[in-house]
Amino acid sequence: MATTATKKAATKKRKYSRIDLRVTPEQKDLLEKAASLAGLSLSAYMLSQCLKVARENIEAHQRLVLSDRDRELFLSLMENPPEPCQALKSAMSKFQDEYEN
């Protein structure tokens, strides 16, 4: 079983990229206080928080949540699409002329 020192050494070896961030002294004090309360170094605290938010942002972007009403409307339109309006017909015709001939 790997010791804590071995794990830290292995983790350090893999970290080779760096991100620099400029902040005001007040912002740095606030971040350092939060890191201290969490029992982490400033770097470890910032990395953990940034990764958490990044994962949440990516998940929110990749997932679309609809209300029951919106979901029913979407499914209904997929099953029974309306007739295309004149503007859509013109756009389809223009697309076909430019890209399909």
PDB file of N, CA and C in Angstrom:
ATOM      1  N   MET A   1       0.841  -1.178   0.000  1.00  0.00           N
ATOM      2  CA  MET A   1       0.000   0.000   0.000  1.00  0.00           C
ATOM      3  C   MET A   1       0.889   1.246   0.000  1.00  0.00           C
ATOM      4  N   ALA A   2       0.534   2.251  -0.820  1.00  0.00           N
ATOM      5  CA  ALA A   2       1.346   3.451  -0.946  1.00  0.00           C
ATOM      6  C   ALA A   2       1.174   4.356   0.263  1.00  0.00           C
ATOM      7  N   THR A   3       2.278   4.946   0.689  1.00  0.00           N
ATOM      8  CA  THR A   3       2.215   5.867   1.815  1.00  0.00           C
ATOM      9  C   THR A   3       1.768   7.237   1.319  1.00  0.00           C
ATOM     10  N   THR A   4       1.415   8.122   2.251  1.00  0.00           N
ATOM     11  CA  THR A   4       1.006   9.479   1.888  1.00  0.00           C
ATOM     12  C   THR A   4       2.134  10.194   1.168  1.00  0.00           C
ATOM     13  N   ALA A   5       3.374  10.012   1.642  1.00  0.00           N
ATOM     14  CA  ALA A   5       4.525  10.655   1.004  1.00  0.00           C
ATOM     15  C   ALA A   5       4.697  10.151  -0.420  1.00  0.00           C
ATOM     16  N   THR A   6       4.488   8.861  -0.652  1.00  0.00           N
ATOM     17  CA  THR A   6       4.609   8.293  -1.990  1.00  0.00           C
ATOM     18  C   THR A   6       3.528   8.850  -2.909  1.00  0.00           C
ATOM     19  N   LYS A   7       2.313   8.973  -2.385  1.00  0.00           N
ATOM     20  CA  LYS A   7       1.218   9.527  -3.181  1.00  0.00           C
ATOM     21  C   LYS A   7       1.498  10.967  -3.558  1.00  0.00           C
ATOM     22  N   LYS A   8       1.992  11.757  -2.593  1.00  0.00           N
ATOM     23  CA  LYS A   8       2.301  13.153  -2.878  1.00  0.00           C
ATOM     24  C   LYS A   8       3.408  13.266  -3.916  1.00  0.00           C
ATOM     25  N   ALA A   9       4.423  12.420  -3.817  1.00  0.00           N
ATOM     26  CA  ALA A   9       5.521  12.449  -4.773  1.00  0.00           C
ATOM     27  C   ALA A   9       5.024  12.083  -6.163  1.00  0.00           C
ATOM     28  N   ALA A  10       4.157  11.091  -6.255  1.00  0.00           N
ATOM     29  CA  ALA A  10       3.613  10.684  -7.553  1.00  0.00           C
ATOM     30  C   ALA A  10       2.755  11.790  -8.145  1.00  0.00           C
ATOM     31  N   THR A  11       1.972  12.457  -7.307  1.00  0.00           N
ATOM     32  CA  THR A  11       1.125  13.548  -7.771  1.00  0.00           C
ATOM     33  C   THR A  11       1.969  14.708  -8.257  1.00  0.00           C
ATOM     34  N   LYS A  12       3.035  15.024  -7.536  1.00  0.00           N
ATOM     35  CA  LYS A  12       3.906  16.128  -7.931  1.00  0.00           C
ATOM     36  C   LYS A  12       4.540  15.873  -9.286  1.00  0.00           C
ATOM     37  N   LYS A  13       4.932  14.651  -9.562  1.00  0.00           N
ATOM     38  CA  LYS A  13       5.589  14.328 -10.824  1.00  0.00           C
ATOM     39  C   LYS A  13       4.670  14.587 -12.010  1.00  0.00           C
ATOM     40  N   ARG A  14       3.378  14.364 -11.852  1.00  0.00           N
ATOM     41  CA  ARG A  14       2.447  14.515 -12.965  1.00  0.00           C
ATOM     42  C   ARG A  14       2.085  15.964 -13.234  1.00  0.00           C
ATOM     43  N   LYS A  15       2.280  16.827 -12.279  1.00  0.00           N
ATOM     44  CA  LYS A  15       1.898  18.232 -12.457  1.00  0.00           C
ATOM     45  C   LYS A  15       3.028  18.992 -13.136  1.00  0.00           C
ATOM     46  N   TYR A  16       2.790  19.369 -14.376  1.00  0.00           N
ATOM     47  CA  TYR A  16       3.831  20.074 -15.111  1.00  0.00           C
ATOM     48  C   TYR A  16       3.316  21.343 -15.771  1.00  0.00           C
ATOM     49  N   SER A  17       2.041  21.627 -15.673  1.00  0.00           N
ATOM     50  CA  SER A  17       1.484  22.861 -16.224  1.00  0.00           C
ATOM     51  C   SER A  17       1.234  23.847 -15.098  1.00  0.00           C
ATOM     52  N   ARG A  18       1.260  25.115 -15.449  1.00  0.00           N
ATOM     53  CA  ARG A  18       1.105  26.150 -14.438  1.00  0.00           C
ATOM     54  C   ARG A  18       0.062  27.152 -14.910  1.00  0.00           C
ATOM     55  N   ILE A  19      -0.722  27.674 -13.968  1.00  0.00           N
ATOM     56  CA  ILE A  19      -1.682  28.734 -14.246  1.00  0.00           C
ATOM     57  C   ILE A  19      -1.367  29.877 -13.295  1.00  0.00           C
ATOM     58  N   ASP A  20      -1.178  31.065 -13.840  1.00  0.00           N
ATOM     59  CA  ASP A  20      -0.928  32.238 -13.005  1.00  0.00           C
ATOM     60  C   ASP A  20      -2.199  33.070 -12.950  1.00  0.00           C
ATOM     61  N   LEU A  21      -2.411  33.695 -11.809  1.00  0.00           N
ATOM     62  CA  LEU A  21      -3.621  34.473 -11.598  1.00  0.00           C
ATOM     63  C   LEU A  21      -3.264  35.732 -10.829  1.00  0.00           C
ATOM     64  N   ARG A  22      -3.714  36.861 -11.315  1.00  0.00           N
ATOM     65  CA  ARG A  22      -3.476  38.122 -10.612  1.00  0.00           C
ATOM     66  C   ARG A  22      -4.745  38.513  -9.871  1.00  0.00           C
ATOM     67  N   VAL A  23      -4.578  38.854  -8.599  1.00  0.00           N
ATOM     68  CA  VAL A  23      -5.710  39.236  -7.750  1.00  0.00           C
ATOM     69  C   VAL A  23      -5.321  40.447  -6.915  1.00  0.00           C
ATOM     70  N   THR A  24      -6.322  41.096  -6.364  1.00  0.00           N
ATOM     71  CA  THR A  24      -6.047  42.206  -5.446  1.00  0.00           C
ATOM     72  C   THR A  24      -5.604  41.621  -4.107  1.00  0.00           C
ATOM     73  N   PRO A  25      -4.953  42.413  -3.283  1.00  0.00           N
ATOM     74  CA  PRO A  25      -4.573  41.918  -1.954  1.00  0.00           C
ATOM     75  C   PRO A  25      -5.786  41.451  -1.142  1.00  0.00           C
ATOM     76  N   GLU A  26      -6.906  42.152  -1.286  1.00  0.00           N
ATOM     77  CA  GLU A  26      -8.116  41.766  -0.557  1.00  0.00           C
ATOM     78  C   GLU A  26      -8.630  40.402  -1.035  1.00  0.00           C
ATOM     79  N   GLN A  27      -8.590  40.183  -2.342  1.00  0.00           N
ATOM     80  CA  GLN A  27      -9.042  38.900  -2.882  1.00  0.00           C
ATOM     81  C   GLN A  27      -8.137  37.769  -2.403  1.00  0.00           C
ATOM     82  N   LYS A  28      -6.825  38.031  -2.388  1.00  0.00           N
ATOM     83  CA  LYS A  28      -5.891  37.009  -1.929  1.00  0.00           C
ATOM     84  C   LYS A  28      -6.123  36.694  -0.457  1.00  0.00           C
ATOM     85  N   ASP A  29      -6.335  37.719   0.369  1.00  0.00           N
ATOM     86  CA  ASP A  29      -6.608  37.494   1.794  1.00  0.00           C
ATOM     87  C   ASP A  29      -7.850  36.635   1.985  1.00  0.00           C
ATOM     88  N   LEU A  30      -8.887  36.920   1.224  1.00  0.00           N
ATOM     89  CA  LEU A  30     -10.128  36.158   1.316  1.00  0.00           C
ATOM     90  C   LEU A  30      -9.908  34.694   0.928  1.00  0.00           C
ATOM     91  N   LEU A  31      -9.194  34.475  -0.166  1.00  0.00           N
ATOM     92  CA  LEU A  31      -8.913  33.108  -0.613  1.00  0.00           C
ATOM     93  C   LEU A  31      -8.043  32.367   0.390  1.00  0.00           C
ATOM     94  N   GLU A  32      -7.048  33.044   0.946  1.00  0.00           N
ATOM     95  CA  GLU A  32      -6.183  32.404   1.938  1.00  0.00           C
ATOM     96  C   GLU A  32      -6.964  32.027   3.201  1.00  0.00           C
ATOM     97  N   LYS A  33      -7.893  32.879   3.610  1.00  0.00           N
ATOM     98  CA  LYS A  33      -8.702  32.573   4.786  1.00  0.00           C
ATOM     99  C   LYS A  33      -9.577  31.347   4.523  1.00  0.00           C
ATOM    100  N   ALA A  34     -10.205  31.300   3.352  1.00  0.00           N
ATOM    101  CA  ALA A  34     -11.055  30.156   3.000  1.00  0.00           C
ATOM    102  C   ALA A  34     -10.221  28.879   2.926  1.00  0.00           C
ATOM    103  N   ALA A  35      -9.032  28.970   2.346  1.00  0.00           N
ATOM    104  CA  ALA A  35      -8.154  27.806   2.246  1.00  0.00           C
ATOM    105  C   ALA A  35      -7.752  27.326   3.633  1.00  0.00           C
ATOM    106  N   SER A  36      -7.434  28.259   4.507  1.00  0.00           N
ATOM    107  CA  SER A  36      -7.039  27.912   5.874  1.00  0.00           C
ATOM    108  C   SER A  36      -8.178  27.219   6.613  1.00  0.00           C
ATOM    109  N   LEU A  37      -9.388  27.731   6.455  1.00  0.00           N
ATOM    110  CA  LEU A  37     -10.546  27.115   7.107  1.00  0.00           C
ATOM    111  C   LEU A  37     -10.798  25.705   6.587  1.00  0.00           C
ATOM    112  N   ALA A  38     -10.445  25.463   5.314  1.00  0.00           N
ATOM    113  CA  ALA A  38     -10.616  24.132   4.730  1.00  0.00           C
ATOM    114  C   ALA A  38      -9.427  23.228   5.036  1.00  0.00           C
ATOM    115  N   GLY A  39      -8.381  23.794   5.631  1.00  0.00           N
ATOM    116  CA  GLY A  39      -7.197  22.999   5.955  1.00  0.00           C
ATOM    117  C   GLY A  39      -6.360  22.664   4.739  1.00  0.00           C
ATOM    118  N   LEU A  40      -6.397  23.552   3.731  1.00  0.00           N
ATOM    119  CA  LEU A  40      -5.666  23.309   2.489  1.00  0.00           C
ATOM    120  C   LEU A  40      -4.717  24.461   2.209  1.00  0.00           C
ATOM    121  N   SER A  41      -3.734  24.181   1.384  1.00  0.00           N
ATOM    122  CA  SER A  41      -2.889  25.271   0.893  1.00  0.00           C
ATOM    123  C   SER A  41      -3.739  26.117  -0.047  1.00  0.00           C
ATOM    124  N   LEU A  42      -3.289  27.320  -0.325  1.00  0.00           N
ATOM    125  CA  LEU A  42      -4.030  28.190  -1.233  1.00  0.00           C
ATOM    126  C   LEU A  42      -4.161  27.539  -2.603  1.00  0.00           C
ATOM    127  N   SER A  43      -3.079  26.965  -3.105  1.00  0.00           N
ATOM    128  CA  SER A  43      -3.117  26.316  -4.420  1.00  0.00           C
ATOM    129  C   SER A  43      -4.092  25.137  -4.437  1.00  0.00           C
ATOM    130  N   ALA A  44      -4.012  24.291  -3.407  1.00  0.00           N
ATOM    131  CA  ALA A  44      -4.900  23.129  -3.354  1.00  0.00           C
ATOM    132  C   ALA A  44      -6.356  23.560  -3.240  1.00  0.00           C
ATOM    133  N   TYR A  45      -6.605  24.593  -2.448  1.00  0.00           N
ATOM    134  CA  TYR A  45      -7.967  25.090  -2.286  1.00  0.00           C
ATOM    135  C   TYR A  45      -8.503  25.628  -3.607  1.00  0.00           C
ATOM    136  N   MET A  46      -7.720  26.480  -4.254  1.00  0.00           N
ATOM    137  CA  MET A  46      -8.174  27.074  -5.510  1.00  0.00           C
ATOM    138  C   MET A  46      -8.390  26.012  -6.579  1.00  0.00           C
ATOM    139  N   LEU A  47      -7.479  25.054  -6.658  1.00  0.00           N
ATOM    140  CA  LEU A  47      -7.620  23.993  -7.644  1.00  0.00           C
ATOM    141  C   LEU A  47      -8.876  23.180  -7.387  1.00  0.00           C
ATOM    142  N   SER A  48      -9.127  22.803  -6.137  1.00  0.00           N
ATOM    143  CA  SER A  48     -10.311  21.994  -5.836  1.00  0.00           C
ATOM    144  C   SER A  48     -11.593  22.755  -6.158  1.00  0.00           C
ATOM    145  N   GLN A  49     -11.636  24.022  -5.817  1.00  0.00           N
ATOM    146  CA  GLN A  49     -12.843  24.818  -6.086  1.00  0.00           C
ATOM    147  C   GLN A  49     -13.041  25.065  -7.582  1.00  0.00           C
ATOM    148  N   CYS A  50     -11.968  25.367  -8.269  1.00  0.00           N
ATOM    149  CA  CYS A  50     -12.073  25.611  -9.719  1.00  0.00           C
ATOM    150  C   CYS A  50     -12.491  24.347 -10.468  1.00  0.00           C
ATOM    151  N   LEU A  51     -11.926  23.213 -10.091  1.00  0.00           N
ATOM    152  CA  LEU A  51     -12.290  21.958 -10.746  1.00  0.00           C
ATOM    153  C   LEU A  51     -13.754  21.614 -10.490  1.00  0.00           C
ATOM    154  N   LYS A  52     -14.208  21.851  -9.271  1.00  0.00           N
ATOM    155  CA  LYS A  52     -15.608  21.586  -8.924  1.00  0.00           C
ATOM    156  C   LYS A  52     -16.539  22.434  -9.800  1.00  0.00           C
ATOM    157  N   VAL A  53     -16.259  23.717  -9.884  1.00  0.00           N
ATOM    158  CA  VAL A  53     -17.095  24.621 -10.678  1.00  0.00           C
ATOM    159  C   VAL A  53     -16.991  24.281 -12.164  1.00  0.00           C
ATOM    160  N   ALA A  54     -15.798  23.936 -12.628  1.00  0.00           N
ATOM    161  CA  ALA A  54     -15.626  23.574 -14.033  1.00  0.00           C
ATOM    162  C   ALA A  54     -16.467  22.349 -14.381  1.00  0.00           C
ATOM    163  N   ARG A  55     -16.440  21.338 -13.522  1.00  0.00           N
ATOM    164  CA  ARG A  55     -17.255  20.134 -13.765  1.00  0.00           C
ATOM    165  C   ARG A  55     -18.745  20.477 -13.791  1.00  0.00           C
ATOM    166  N   GLU A  56     -19.179  21.322 -12.875  1.00  0.00           N
ATOM    167  CA  GLU A  56     -20.588  21.722 -12.832  1.00  0.00           C
ATOM    168  C   GLU A  56     -20.980  22.483 -14.094  1.00  0.00           C
ATOM    169  N   ASN A  57     -20.102  23.392 -14.548  1.00  0.00           N
ATOM    170  CA  ASN A  57     -20.395  24.159 -15.754  1.00  0.00           C
ATOM    171  C   ASN A  57     -20.471  23.267 -16.984  1.00  0.00           C
ATOM    172  N   ILE A  58     -19.564  22.318 -17.080  1.00  0.00           N
ATOM    173  CA  ILE A  58     -19.561  21.402 -18.220  1.00  0.00           C
ATOM    174  C   ILE A  58     -20.816  20.537 -18.197  1.00  0.00           C
ATOM    175  N   GLU A  59     -21.167  20.037 -17.026  1.00  0.00           N
ATOM    176  CA  GLU A  59     -22.362  19.195 -16.903  1.00  0.00           C
ATOM    177  C   GLU A  59     -23.614  19.987 -17.270  1.00  0.00           C
ATOM    178  N   ALA A  60     -23.710  21.223 -16.792  1.00  0.00           N
ATOM    179  CA  ALA A  60     -24.878  22.055 -17.099  1.00  0.00           C
ATOM    180  C   ALA A  60     -24.962  22.340 -18.587  1.00  0.00           C
ATOM    181  N   HIS A  61     -23.827  22.527 -19.207  1.00  0.00           N
ATOM    182  CA  HIS A  61     -23.805  22.804 -20.646  1.00  0.00           C
ATOM    183  C   HIS A  61     -24.216  21.583 -21.454  1.00  0.00           C
ATOM    184  N   GLN A  62     -23.848  20.400 -20.989  1.00  0.00           N
ATOM    185  CA  GLN A  62     -24.110  19.171 -21.726  1.00  0.00           C
ATOM    186  C   GLN A  62     -25.501  18.610 -21.472  1.00  0.00           C
ATOM    187  N   ARG A  63     -26.187  19.121 -20.469  1.00  0.00           N
ATOM    188  CA  ARG A  63     -27.483  18.580 -20.094  1.00  0.00           C
ATOM    189  C   ARG A  63     -28.549  19.641 -20.310  1.00  0.00           C
ATOM    190  N   LEU A  64     -29.627  19.243 -20.914  1.00  0.00           N
ATOM    191  CA  LEU A  64     -30.742  20.149 -21.117  1.00  0.00           C
ATOM    192  C   LEU A  64     -31.923  19.626 -20.321  1.00  0.00           C
ATOM    193  N   VAL A  65     -32.417  20.439 -19.421  1.00  0.00           N
ATOM    194  CA  VAL A  65     -33.538  20.027 -18.585  1.00  0.00           C
ATOM    195  C   VAL A  65     -34.752  20.865 -18.985  1.00  0.00           C
ATOM    196  N   LEU A  66     -35.823  20.178 -19.336  1.00  0.00           N
ATOM    197  CA  LEU A  66     -37.043  20.864 -19.736  1.00  0.00           C
ATOM    198  C   LEU A  66     -38.125  20.663 -18.688  1.00  0.00           C
ATOM    199  N   SER A  67     -39.013  21.632 -18.579  1.00  0.00           N
ATOM    200  CA  SER A  67     -40.180  21.449 -17.722  1.00  0.00           C
ATOM    201  C   SER A  67     -41.078  20.412 -18.390  1.00  0.00           C
ATOM    202  N   ASP A  68     -42.034  19.885 -17.658  1.00  0.00           N
ATOM    203  CA  ASP A  68     -42.963  18.910 -18.234  1.00  0.00           C
ATOM    204  C   ASP A  68     -43.685  19.509 -19.433  1.00  0.00           C
ATOM    205  N   ARG A  69     -44.115  20.737 -19.317  1.00  0.00           N
ATOM    206  CA  ARG A  69     -44.830  21.409 -20.404  1.00  0.00           C
ATOM    207  C   ARG A  69     -43.942  21.541 -21.642  1.00  0.00           C
ATOM    208  N   ASP A  70     -42.707  21.995 -21.438  1.00  0.00           N
ATOM    209  CA  ASP A  70     -41.783  22.159 -22.566  1.00  0.00           C
ATOM    210  C   ASP A  70     -41.434  20.819 -23.209  1.00  0.00           C
ATOM    211  N   ARG A  71     -41.257  19.799 -22.384  1.00  0.00           N
ATOM    212  CA  ARG A  71     -40.944  18.478 -22.922  1.00  0.00           C
ATOM    213  C   ARG A  71     -42.093  17.957 -23.783  1.00  0.00           C
ATOM    214  N   GLU A  72     -43.318  18.109 -23.294  1.00  0.00           N
ATOM    215  CA  GLU A  72     -44.483  17.660 -24.058  1.00  0.00           C
ATOM    216  C   GLU A  72     -44.619  18.434 -25.366  1.00  0.00           C
ATOM    217  N   LEU A  73     -44.386  19.726 -25.323  1.00  0.00           N
ATOM    218  CA  LEU A  73     -44.451  20.550 -26.532  1.00  0.00           C
ATOM    219  C   LEU A  73     -43.385  20.109 -27.529  1.00  0.00           C
ATOM    220  N   PHE A  74     -42.163  19.885 -27.061  1.00  0.00           N
ATOM    221  CA  PHE A  74     -41.074  19.438 -27.929  1.00  0.00           C
ATOM    222  C   PHE A  74     -41.411  18.100 -28.582  1.00  0.00           C
ATOM    223  N   LEU A  75     -41.863  17.138 -27.781  1.00  0.00           N
ATOM    224  CA  LEU A  75     -42.193  15.818 -28.333  1.00  0.00           C
ATOM    225  C   LEU A  75     -43.349  15.894 -29.315  1.00  0.00           C
ATOM    226  N   SER A  76     -44.329  16.719 -29.010  1.00  0.00           N
ATOM    227  CA  SER A  76     -45.471  16.895 -29.908  1.00  0.00           C
ATOM    228  C   SER A  76     -45.020  17.474 -31.255  1.00  0.00           C
ATOM    229  N   LEU A  77     -44.138  18.463 -31.197  1.00  0.00           N
ATOM    230  CA  LEU A  77     -43.635  19.065 -32.442  1.00  0.00           C
ATOM    231  C   LEU A  77     -42.756  18.098 -33.226  1.00  0.00           C
ATOM    232  N   MET A  78     -42.045  17.234 -32.526  1.00  0.00           N
ATOM    233  CA  MET A  78     -41.229  16.232 -33.227  1.00  0.00           C
ATOM    234  C   MET A  78     -42.116  15.210 -33.929  1.00  0.00           C
ATOM    235  N   GLU A  79     -43.217  14.830 -33.286  1.00  0.00           N
ATOM    236  CA  GLU A  79     -44.125  13.849 -33.867  1.00  0.00           C
ATOM    237  C   GLU A  79     -45.009  14.450 -34.954  1.00  0.00           C
ATOM    238  N   ASN A  80     -45.382  15.709 -34.800  1.00  0.00           N
ATOM    239  CA  ASN A  80     -46.277  16.388 -35.744  1.00  0.00           C
ATOM    240  C   ASN A  80     -45.695  17.753 -36.109  1.00  0.00           C
ATOM    241  N   PRO A  81     -44.650  17.769 -36.921  1.00  0.00           N
ATOM    242  CA  PRO A  81     -44.019  19.055 -37.235  1.00  0.00           C
ATOM    243  C   PRO A  81     -44.963  19.948 -38.047  1.00  0.00           C
ATOM    244  N   PRO A  82     -44.918  21.251 -37.811  1.00  0.00           N
ATOM    245  CA  PRO A  82     -45.760  22.162 -38.587  1.00  0.00           C
ATOM    246  C   PRO A  82     -45.233  22.278 -40.017  1.00  0.00           C
ATOM    247  N   GLU A  83     -46.085  22.726 -40.906  1.00  0.00           N
ATOM    248  CA  GLU A  83     -45.667  22.964 -42.289  1.00  0.00           C
ATOM    249  C   GLU A  83     -44.632  24.089 -42.291  1.00  0.00           C
ATOM    250  N   PRO A  84     -43.617  23.977 -43.143  1.00  0.00           N
ATOM    251  CA  PRO A  84     -42.623  25.055 -43.193  1.00  0.00           C
ATOM    252  C   PRO A  84     -43.229  26.344 -43.741  1.00  0.00           C
ATOM    253  N   CYS A  85     -42.824  27.472 -43.150  1.00  0.00           N
ATOM    254  CA  CYS A  85     -43.291  28.775 -43.619  1.00  0.00           C
ATOM    255  C   CYS A  85     -42.509  29.162 -44.884  1.00  0.00           C
ATOM    256  N   GLN A  86     -42.919  30.229 -45.520  1.00  0.00           N
ATOM    257  CA  GLN A  86     -42.285  30.649 -46.780  1.00  0.00           C
ATOM    258  C   GLN A  86     -40.807  30.987 -46.570  1.00  0.00           C
ATOM    259  N   ALA A  87     -40.462  31.607 -45.475  1.00  0.00           N
ATOM    260  CA  ALA A  87     -39.065  31.965 -45.210  1.00  0.00           C
ATOM    261  C   ALA A  87     -38.199  30.707 -45.111  1.00  0.00           C
ATOM    262  N   LEU A  88     -38.708  29.661 -44.467  1.00  0.00           N
ATOM    263  CA  LEU A  88     -37.957  28.413 -44.357  1.00  0.00           C
ATOM    264  C   LEU A  88     -37.827  27.737 -45.713  1.00  0.00           C
ATOM    265  N   LYS A  89     -38.910  27.745 -46.499  1.00  0.00           N
ATOM    266  CA  LYS A  89     -38.859  27.161 -47.845  1.00  0.00           C
ATOM    267  C   LYS A  89     -37.820  27.868 -48.694  1.00  0.00           C
ATOM    268  N   SER A  90     -37.772  29.198 -48.608  1.00  0.00           N
ATOM    269  CA  SER A  90     -36.782  29.970 -49.366  1.00  0.00           C
ATOM    270  C   SER A  90     -35.363  29.633 -48.915  1.00  0.00           C
ATOM    271  N   ALA A  91     -35.170  29.517 -47.610  1.00  0.00           N
ATOM    272  CA  ALA A  91     -33.846  29.190 -47.081  1.00  0.00           C
ATOM    273  C   ALA A  91     -33.416  27.795 -47.520  1.00  0.00           C
ATOM    274  N   MET A  92     -34.339  26.833 -47.511  1.00  0.00           N
ATOM    275  CA  MET A  92     -34.009  25.470 -47.958  1.00  0.00           C
ATOM    276  C   MET A  92     -33.663  25.465 -49.441  1.00  0.00           C
ATOM    277  N   SER A  93     -34.422  26.212 -50.228  1.00  0.00           N
ATOM    278  CA  SER A  93     -34.169  26.285 -51.662  1.00  0.00           C
ATOM    279  C   SER A  93     -32.797  26.905 -51.938  1.00  0.00           C
ATOM    280  N   LYS A  94     -32.475  27.979 -51.215  1.00  0.00           N
ATOM    281  CA  LYS A  94     -31.167  28.639 -51.372  1.00  0.00           C
ATOM    282  C   LYS A  94     -30.034  27.682 -50.985  1.00  0.00           C
ATOM    283  N   PHE A  95     -30.222  26.956 -49.891  1.00  0.00           N
ATOM    284  CA  PHE A  95     -29.210  25.986 -49.457  1.00  0.00           C
ATOM    285  C   PHE A  95     -28.997  24.919 -50.516  1.00  0.00           C
ATOM    286  N   GLN A  96     -30.097  24.396 -51.046  1.00  0.00           N
ATOM    287  CA  GLN A  96     -29.985  23.346 -52.074  1.00  0.00           C
ATOM    288  C   GLN A  96     -29.276  23.870 -53.315  1.00  0.00           C
ATOM    289  N   ASP A  97     -29.588  25.100 -53.725  1.00  0.00           N
ATOM    290  CA  ASP A  97     -28.944  25.680 -54.893  1.00  0.00           C
ATOM    291  C   ASP A  97     -27.434  25.843 -54.682  1.00  0.00           C
ATOM    292  N   GLU A  98     -27.033  26.239 -53.492  1.00  0.00           N
ATOM    293  CA  GLU A  98     -25.616  26.513 -53.220  1.00  0.00           C
ATOM    294  C   GLU A  98     -24.814  25.253 -52.933  1.00  0.00           C
ATOM    295  N   TYR A  99     -25.398  24.266 -52.235  1.00  0.00           N
ATOM    296  CA  TYR A  99     -24.598  23.160 -51.736  1.00  0.00           C
ATOM    297  C   TYR A  99     -24.922  21.791 -52.314  1.00  0.00           C
ATOM    298  N   GLU A 100     -26.057  21.634 -52.955  1.00  0.00           N
ATOM    299  CA  GLU A 100     -26.417  20.313 -53.441  1.00  0.00           C
ATOM    300  C   GLU A 100     -26.301  20.173 -54.947  1.00  0.00           C
ATOM    301  N   ASN A 101     -26.009  21.199 -55.640  1.00  0.00           N
ATOM    302  CA  ASN A 101     -25.855  21.120 -57.115  1.00  0.00           C
ATOM    303  C   ASN A 101     -24.417  21.212 -57.534  1.00  0.00           C
TER     304      ASN A 101
END
